[in-house]
Amino acid sequence: MKKIRIIAADSSLPFGTIIKISNIGEEITAIVLDRGGAIGFNNFSQADLLCENLSFSYKFGKKNNAKFEVLRYGF
């Protein structure tokens, strides 16, 4: 069974939007459930993935060439 992760994204994506993230070493499916002041398509970071532990965050870290595909727009 595939995990659905939580992501903070730009306000142009409504809460509940399901996104597929690829080109980062593995494919991740995430749901937008948060916002952030530094997140936005005109800012430094376009998304922020919630990590369950420190080793997961070290594994992925900052990725510059991640690809985002919207699978379903939220509520």
PDB file of N, CA and C in Angstrom:
ATOM      1  N   MET A   1       0.844  -1.180   0.000  1.00  0.00           N
ATOM      2  CA  MET A   1       0.000   0.000   0.000  1.00  0.00           C
ATOM      3  C   MET A   1       0.890   1.244   0.000  1.00  0.00           C
ATOM      4  N   LYS A   2       0.569   2.179  -0.854  1.00  0.00           N
ATOM      5  CA  LYS A   2       1.353   3.398  -0.992  1.00  0.00           C
ATOM      6  C   LYS A   2       0.952   4.430   0.057  1.00  0.00           C
ATOM      7  N   LYS A   3       1.951   5.088   0.646  1.00  0.00           N
ATOM      8  CA  LYS A   3       1.695   6.139   1.629  1.00  0.00           C
ATOM      9  C   LYS A   3       1.302   7.430   0.937  1.00  0.00           C
ATOM     10  N   ILE A   4       0.385   8.145   1.544  1.00  0.00           N
ATOM     11  CA  ILE A   4       0.042   9.500   1.117  1.00  0.00           C
ATOM     12  C   ILE A   4       0.700  10.434   2.129  1.00  0.00           C
ATOM     13  N   ARG A   5       1.543  11.317   1.663  1.00  0.00           N
ATOM     14  CA  ARG A   5       2.265  12.231   2.543  1.00  0.00           C
ATOM     15  C   ARG A   5       1.566  13.588   2.572  1.00  0.00           C
ATOM     16  N   ILE A   6       1.932  14.400   3.538  1.00  0.00           N
ATOM     17  CA  ILE A   6       1.362  15.747   3.689  1.00  0.00           C
ATOM     18  C   ILE A   6       2.363  16.755   3.155  1.00  0.00           C
ATOM     19  N   ILE A   7       1.830  17.739   2.426  1.00  0.00           N
ATOM     20  CA  ILE A   7       2.684  18.760   1.827  1.00  0.00           C
ATOM     21  C   ILE A   7       2.089  20.145   2.085  1.00  0.00           C
ATOM     22  N   ALA A   8       2.962  21.106   2.293  1.00  0.00           N
ATOM     23  CA  ALA A   8       2.567  22.512   2.330  1.00  0.00           C
ATOM     24  C   ALA A   8       2.850  23.074   0.942  1.00  0.00           C
ATOM     25  N   ALA A   9       1.896  23.789   0.380  1.00  0.00           N
ATOM     26  CA  ALA A   9       2.048  24.280  -0.990  1.00  0.00           C
ATOM     27  C   ALA A   9       1.547  25.711  -1.108  1.00  0.00           C
ATOM     28  N   ASP A  10       1.800  26.287  -2.244  1.00  0.00           N
ATOM     29  CA  ASP A  10       1.360  27.628  -2.597  1.00  0.00           C
ATOM     30  C   ASP A  10      -0.165  27.717  -2.541  1.00  0.00           C
ATOM     31  N   SER A  11      -0.681  28.885  -2.245  1.00  0.00           N
ATOM     32  CA  SER A  11      -2.137  29.069  -2.127  1.00  0.00           C
ATOM     33  C   SER A  11      -2.880  28.913  -3.454  1.00  0.00           C
ATOM     34  N   SER A  12      -2.156  28.827  -4.560  1.00  0.00           N
ATOM     35  CA  SER A  12      -2.817  28.580  -5.845  1.00  0.00           C
ATOM     36  C   SER A  12      -3.352  27.148  -5.930  1.00  0.00           C
ATOM     37  N   LEU A  13      -2.873  26.267  -5.060  1.00  0.00           N
ATOM     38  CA  LEU A  13      -3.383  24.897  -4.988  1.00  0.00           C
ATOM     39  C   LEU A  13      -4.287  24.779  -3.759  1.00  0.00           C
ATOM     40  N   PRO A  14      -5.566  24.482  -3.950  1.00  0.00           N
ATOM     41  CA  PRO A  14      -6.484  24.413  -2.812  1.00  0.00           C
ATOM     42  C   PRO A  14      -6.150  23.247  -1.879  1.00  0.00           C
ATOM     43  N   PHE A  15      -6.551  23.394  -0.614  1.00  0.00           N
ATOM     44  CA  PHE A  15      -6.389  22.298   0.328  1.00  0.00           C
ATOM     45  C   PHE A  15      -7.081  21.053  -0.222  1.00  0.00           C
ATOM     46  N   GLY A  16      -6.480  19.892   0.020  1.00  0.00           N
ATOM     47  CA  GLY A  16      -7.045  18.639  -0.461  1.00  0.00           C
ATOM     48  C   GLY A  16      -6.546  18.231  -1.831  1.00  0.00           C
ATOM     49  N   THR A  17      -5.756  19.082  -2.482  1.00  0.00           N
ATOM     50  CA  THR A  17      -5.207  18.738  -3.794  1.00  0.00           C
ATOM     51  C   THR A  17      -4.221  17.585  -3.646  1.00  0.00           C
ATOM     52  N   ILE A  18      -4.320  16.602  -4.528  1.00  0.00           N
ATOM     53  CA  ILE A  18      -3.420  15.446  -4.520  1.00  0.00           C
ATOM     54  C   ILE A  18      -2.372  15.671  -5.609  1.00  0.00           C
ATOM     55  N   ILE A  19      -1.101  15.540  -5.216  1.00  0.00           N
ATOM     56  CA  ILE A  19       0.019  15.818  -6.113  1.00  0.00           C
ATOM     57  C   ILE A  19       0.939  14.608  -6.178  1.00  0.00           C
ATOM     58  N   LYS A  20       1.436  14.316  -7.371  1.00  0.00           N
ATOM     59  CA  LYS A  20       2.483  13.307  -7.545  1.00  0.00           C
ATOM     60  C   LYS A  20       3.798  14.053  -7.726  1.00  0.00           C
ATOM     61  N   ILE A  21       4.787  13.718  -6.904  1.00  0.00           N
ATOM     62  CA  ILE A  21       6.109  14.336  -6.977  1.00  0.00           C
ATOM     63  C   ILE A  21       7.080  13.288  -7.492  1.00  0.00           C
ATOM     64  N   SER A  22       7.809  13.626  -8.540  1.00  0.00           N
ATOM     65  CA  SER A  22       8.769  12.680  -9.111  1.00  0.00           C
ATOM     66  C   SER A  22      10.086  13.391  -9.406  1.00  0.00           C
ATOM     67  N   ASN A  23      11.025  12.645  -9.940  1.00  0.00           N
ATOM     68  CA  ASN A  23      12.362  13.134 -10.279  1.00  0.00           C
ATOM     69  C   ASN A  23      13.171  13.479  -9.021  1.00  0.00           C
ATOM     70  N   ILE A  24      12.904  12.745  -7.927  1.00  0.00           N
ATOM     71  CA  ILE A  24      13.628  12.977  -6.674  1.00  0.00           C
ATOM     72  C   ILE A  24      14.213  11.683  -6.115  1.00  0.00           C
ATOM     73  N   GLY A  25      14.304  10.667  -6.939  1.00  0.00           N
ATOM     74  CA  GLY A  25      14.833   9.387  -6.487  1.00  0.00           C
ATOM     75  C   GLY A  25      13.749   8.353  -6.267  1.00  0.00           C
ATOM     76  N   GLU A  26      12.556   8.788  -5.965  1.00  0.00           N
ATOM     77  CA  GLU A  26      11.383   7.915  -5.875  1.00  0.00           C
ATOM     78  C   GLU A  26      10.152   8.775  -6.108  1.00  0.00           C
ATOM     79  N   GLU A  27       9.037   8.127  -6.356  1.00  0.00           N
ATOM     80  CA  GLU A  27       7.790   8.857  -6.601  1.00  0.00           C
ATOM     81  C   GLU A  27       7.000   8.959  -5.306  1.00  0.00           C
ATOM     82  N   ILE A  28       6.504  10.147  -5.004  1.00  0.00           N
ATOM     83  CA  ILE A  28       5.746  10.400  -3.782  1.00  0.00           C
ATOM     84  C   ILE A  28       4.389  10.975  -4.154  1.00  0.00           C
ATOM     85  N   THR A  29       3.349  10.500  -3.484  1.00  0.00           N
ATOM     86  CA  THR A  29       2.017  11.070  -3.615  1.00  0.00           C
ATOM     87  C   THR A  29       1.732  11.841  -2.332  1.00  0.00           C
ATOM     88  N   ALA A  30       1.266  13.076  -2.466  1.00  0.00           N
ATOM     89  CA  ALA A  30       1.055  13.934  -1.302  1.00  0.00           C
ATOM     90  C   ALA A  30      -0.254  14.700  -1.437  1.00  0.00           C
ATOM     91  N   ILE A  31      -0.795  15.100  -0.296  1.00  0.00           N
ATOM     92  CA  ILE A  31      -2.015  15.902  -0.252  1.00  0.00           C
ATOM     93  C   ILE A  31      -1.689  17.248   0.391  1.00  0.00           C
ATOM     94  N   VAL A  32      -2.196  18.318  -0.214  1.00  0.00           N
ATOM     95  CA  VAL A  32      -1.955  19.673   0.302  1.00  0.00           C
ATOM     96  C   VAL A  32      -2.857  19.904   1.508  1.00  0.00           C
ATOM     97  N   LEU A  33      -2.223  20.059   2.689  1.00  0.00           N
ATOM     98  CA  LEU A  33      -2.976  20.313   3.919  1.00  0.00           C
ATOM     99  C   LEU A  33      -2.401  21.470   4.720  1.00  0.00           C
ATOM    100  N   ASP A  34      -1.463  22.214   4.123  1.00  0.00           N
ATOM    101  CA  ASP A  34      -0.802  23.285   4.867  1.00  0.00           C
ATOM    102  C   ASP A  34      -0.328  24.361   3.907  1.00  0.00           C
ATOM    103  N   ARG A  35      -0.042  25.527   4.444  1.00  0.00           N
ATOM    104  CA  ARG A  35       0.547  26.661   3.727  1.00  0.00           C
ATOM    105  C   ARG A  35       1.805  27.072   4.478  1.00  0.00           C
ATOM    106  N   GLY A  36       2.598  27.897   3.860  1.00  0.00           N
ATOM    107  CA  GLY A  36       3.783  28.430   4.521  1.00  0.00           C
ATOM    108  C   GLY A  36       4.116  29.793   3.960  1.00  0.00           C
ATOM    109  N   GLY A  37       4.632  30.667   4.787  1.00  0.00           N
ATOM    110  CA  GLY A  37       4.940  32.022   4.357  1.00  0.00           C
ATOM    111  C   GLY A  37       6.028  32.098   3.304  1.00  0.00           C
ATOM    112  N   ALA A  38       6.958  31.144   3.303  1.00  0.00           N
ATOM    113  CA  ALA A  38       8.067  31.155   2.349  1.00  0.00           C
ATOM    114  C   ALA A  38       7.784  30.282   1.136  1.00  0.00           C
ATOM    115  N   ILE A  39       6.576  29.731   1.049  1.00  0.00           N
ATOM    116  CA  ILE A  39       6.242  28.829  -0.053  1.00  0.00           C
ATOM    117  C   ILE A  39       5.448  29.592  -1.100  1.00  0.00           C
ATOM    118  N   GLY A  40       5.850  29.452  -2.347  1.00  0.00           N
ATOM    119  CA  GLY A  40       5.135  30.084  -3.444  1.00  0.00           C
ATOM    120  C   GLY A  40       5.935  29.981  -4.711  1.00  0.00           C
ATOM    121  N   PHE A  41       5.277  30.072  -5.845  1.00  0.00           N
ATOM    122  CA  PHE A  41       5.958  29.900  -7.119  1.00  0.00           C
ATOM    123  C   PHE A  41       6.872  31.075  -7.443  1.00  0.00           C
ATOM    124  N   ASN A  42       6.738  32.188  -6.729  1.00  0.00           N
ATOM    125  CA  ASN A  42       7.645  33.323  -6.909  1.00  0.00           C
ATOM    126  C   ASN A  42       8.667  33.403  -5.787  1.00  0.00           C
ATOM    127  N   ASN A  43       8.636  32.466  -4.849  1.00  0.00           N
ATOM    128  CA  ASN A  43       9.541  32.453  -3.714  1.00  0.00           C
ATOM    129  C   ASN A  43      10.600  31.373  -3.877  1.00  0.00           C
ATOM    130  N   PHE A  44      11.395  31.201  -2.855  1.00  0.00           N
ATOM    131  CA  PHE A  44      12.501  30.249  -2.875  1.00  0.00           C
ATOM    132  C   PHE A  44      12.023  28.801  -2.939  1.00  0.00           C
ATOM    133  N   SER A  45      10.949  28.482  -2.235  1.00  0.00           N
ATOM    134  CA  SER A  45      10.472  27.105  -2.129  1.00  0.00           C
ATOM    135  C   SER A  45       9.066  26.990  -2.692  1.00  0.00           C
ATOM    136  N   GLN A  46       8.819  25.961  -3.506  1.00  0.00           N
ATOM    137  CA  GLN A  46       7.492  25.768  -4.079  1.00  0.00           C
ATOM    138  C   GLN A  46       6.638  24.809  -3.267  1.00  0.00           C
ATOM    139  N   ALA A  47       7.275  23.983  -2.452  1.00  0.00           N
ATOM    140  CA  ALA A  47       6.534  23.029  -1.628  1.00  0.00           C
ATOM    141  C   ALA A  47       7.398  22.606  -0.454  1.00  0.00           C
ATOM    142  N   ASP A  48       6.738  22.110   0.580  1.00  0.00           N
ATOM    143  CA  ASP A  48       7.441  21.632   1.764  1.00  0.00           C
ATOM    144  C   ASP A  48       6.797  20.319   2.185  1.00  0.00           C
ATOM    145  N   LEU A  49       7.554  19.234   2.095  1.00  0.00           N
ATOM    146  CA  LEU A  49       7.065  17.896   2.392  1.00  0.00           C
ATOM    147  C   LEU A  49       7.270  17.577   3.869  1.00  0.00           C
ATOM    148  N   LEU A  50       6.218  17.113   4.540  1.00  0.00           N
ATOM    149  CA  LEU A  50       6.323  16.718   5.934  1.00  0.00           C
ATOM    150  C   LEU A  50       7.080  15.390   6.011  1.00  0.00           C
ATOM    151  N   CYS A  51       8.098  15.342   6.857  1.00  0.00           N
ATOM    152  CA  CYS A  51       8.918  14.137   7.014  1.00  0.00           C
ATOM    153  C   CYS A  51       8.621  13.490   8.358  1.00  0.00           C
ATOM    154  N   GLU A  52       8.534  12.152   8.361  1.00  0.00           N
ATOM    155  CA  GLU A  52       8.201  11.455   9.602  1.00  0.00           C
ATOM    156  C   GLU A  52       9.383  11.289  10.539  1.00  0.00           C
ATOM    157  N   ASN A  53      10.594  11.451  10.034  1.00  0.00           N
ATOM    158  CA  ASN A  53      11.774  11.353  10.900  1.00  0.00           C
ATOM    159  C   ASN A  53      12.956  12.058  10.244  1.00  0.00           C
ATOM    160  N   LEU A  54      14.020  12.178  10.998  1.00  0.00           N
ATOM    161  CA  LEU A  54      15.200  12.905  10.539  1.00  0.00           C
ATOM    162  C   LEU A  54      15.883  12.216   9.368  1.00  0.00           C
ATOM    163  N   SER A  55      15.951  10.886   9.383  1.00  0.00           N
ATOM    164  CA  SER A  55      16.635  10.181   8.291  1.00  0.00           C
ATOM    165  C   SER A  55      15.899  10.369   6.964  1.00  0.00           C
ATOM    166  N   PHE A  56      14.557  10.441   7.002  1.00  0.00           N
ATOM    167  CA  PHE A  56      13.793  10.695   5.774  1.00  0.00           C
ATOM    168  C   PHE A  56      14.119  12.080   5.234  1.00  0.00           C
ATOM    169  N   SER A  57      14.218  13.065   6.120  1.00  0.00           N
ATOM    170  CA  SER A  57      14.520  14.424   5.663  1.00  0.00           C
ATOM    171  C   SER A  57      15.933  14.521   5.096  1.00  0.00           C
ATOM    172  N   TYR A  58      16.891  13.802   5.679  1.00  0.00           N
ATOM    173  CA  TYR A  58      18.247  13.788   5.132  1.00  0.00           C
ATOM    174  C   TYR A  58      18.300  13.099   3.775  1.00  0.00           C
ATOM    175  N   LYS A  59      17.477  12.071   3.609  1.00  0.00           N
ATOM    176  CA  LYS A  59      17.454  11.324   2.343  1.00  0.00           C
ATOM    177  C   LYS A  59      17.015  12.223   1.181  1.00  0.00           C
ATOM    178  N   PHE A  60      15.993  13.038   1.418  1.00  0.00           N
ATOM    179  CA  PHE A  60      15.469  13.863   0.339  1.00  0.00           C
ATOM    180  C   PHE A  60      16.033  15.274   0.342  1.00  0.00           C
ATOM    181  N   GLY A  61      16.139  15.893   1.498  1.00  0.00           N
ATOM    182  CA  GLY A  61      16.692  17.237   1.557  1.00  0.00           C
ATOM    183  C   GLY A  61      16.038  18.170   0.563  1.00  0.00           C
ATOM    184  N   LYS A  62      16.801  19.119   0.072  1.00  0.00           N
ATOM    185  CA  LYS A  62      16.314  20.077  -0.926  1.00  0.00           C
ATOM    186  C   LYS A  62      16.531  19.497  -2.317  1.00  0.00           C
ATOM    187  N   LYS A  63      15.494  19.483  -3.115  1.00  0.00           N
ATOM    188  CA  LYS A  63      15.571  18.989  -4.495  1.00  0.00           C
ATOM    189  C   LYS A  63      15.204  20.131  -5.438  1.00  0.00           C
ATOM    190  N   ASN A  64      16.082  20.415  -6.387  1.00  0.00           N
ATOM    191  CA  ASN A  64      15.860  21.532  -7.308  1.00  0.00           C
ATOM    192  C   ASN A  64      15.076  21.161  -8.557  1.00  0.00           C
ATOM    193  N   ASN A  65      15.056  19.896  -8.927  1.00  0.00           N
ATOM    194  CA  ASN A  65      14.435  19.512 -10.194  1.00  0.00           C
ATOM    195  C   ASN A  65      13.218  18.616 -10.018  1.00  0.00           C
ATOM    196  N   ALA A  66      12.542  18.740  -8.889  1.00  0.00           N
ATOM    197  CA  ALA A  66      11.360  17.916  -8.643  1.00  0.00           C
ATOM    198  C   ALA A  66      10.263  18.284  -9.647  1.00  0.00           C
ATOM    199  N   LYS A  67       9.529  17.259 -10.073  1.00  0.00           N
ATOM    200  CA  LYS A  67       8.401  17.463 -10.979  1.00  0.00           C
ATOM    201  C   LYS A  67       7.111  17.249 -10.207  1.00  0.00           C
ATOM    202  N   PHE A  68       6.148  18.167 -10.386  1.00  0.00           N
ATOM    203  CA  PHE A  68       4.868  18.106  -9.714  1.00  0.00           C
ATOM    204  C   PHE A  68       3.780  17.866 -10.746  1.00  0.00           C
ATOM    205  N   GLU A  69       2.892  16.913 -10.457  1.00  0.00           N
ATOM    206  CA  GLU A  69       1.751  16.655 -11.319  1.00  0.00           C
ATOM    207  C   GLU A  69       0.505  16.618 -10.437  1.00  0.00           C
ATOM    208  N   VAL A  70      -0.468  17.453 -10.745  1.00  0.00           N
ATOM    209  CA  VAL A  70      -1.708  17.475  -9.981  1.00  0.00           C
ATOM    210  C   VAL A  70      -2.571  16.305 -10.452  1.00  0.00           C
ATOM    211  N   LEU A  71      -2.896  15.419  -9.518  1.00  0.00           N
ATOM    212  CA  LEU A  71      -3.746  14.264  -9.836  1.00  0.00           C
ATOM    213  C   LEU A  71      -5.224  14.575  -9.626  1.00  0.00           C
ATOM    214  N   ARG A  72      -5.508  15.463  -8.640  1.00  0.00           N
ATOM    215  CA  ARG A  72      -6.883  15.847  -8.355  1.00  0.00           C
ATOM    216  C   ARG A  72      -6.869  17.161  -7.587  1.00  0.00           C
ATOM    217  N   TYR A  73      -7.678  18.119  -8.023  1.00  0.00           N
ATOM    218  CA  TYR A  73      -7.774  19.384  -7.296  1.00  0.00           C
ATOM    219  C   TYR A  73      -8.665  19.179  -6.072  1.00  0.00           C
ATOM    220  N   GLY A  74      -8.308  19.888  -5.017  1.00  0.00           N
ATOM    221  CA  GLY A  74      -8.949  19.708  -3.717  1.00  0.00           C
ATOM    222  C   GLY A  74     -10.273  20.404  -3.548  1.00  0.00           C
ATOM    223  N   PHE A  75     -10.582  20.648  -2.283  1.00  0.00           N
ATOM    224  CA  PHE A  75     -11.879  21.204  -1.912  1.00  0.00           C
ATOM    225  C   PHE A  75     -11.800  22.685  -1.673  1.00  0.00           C
TER     226      PHE A  75
END
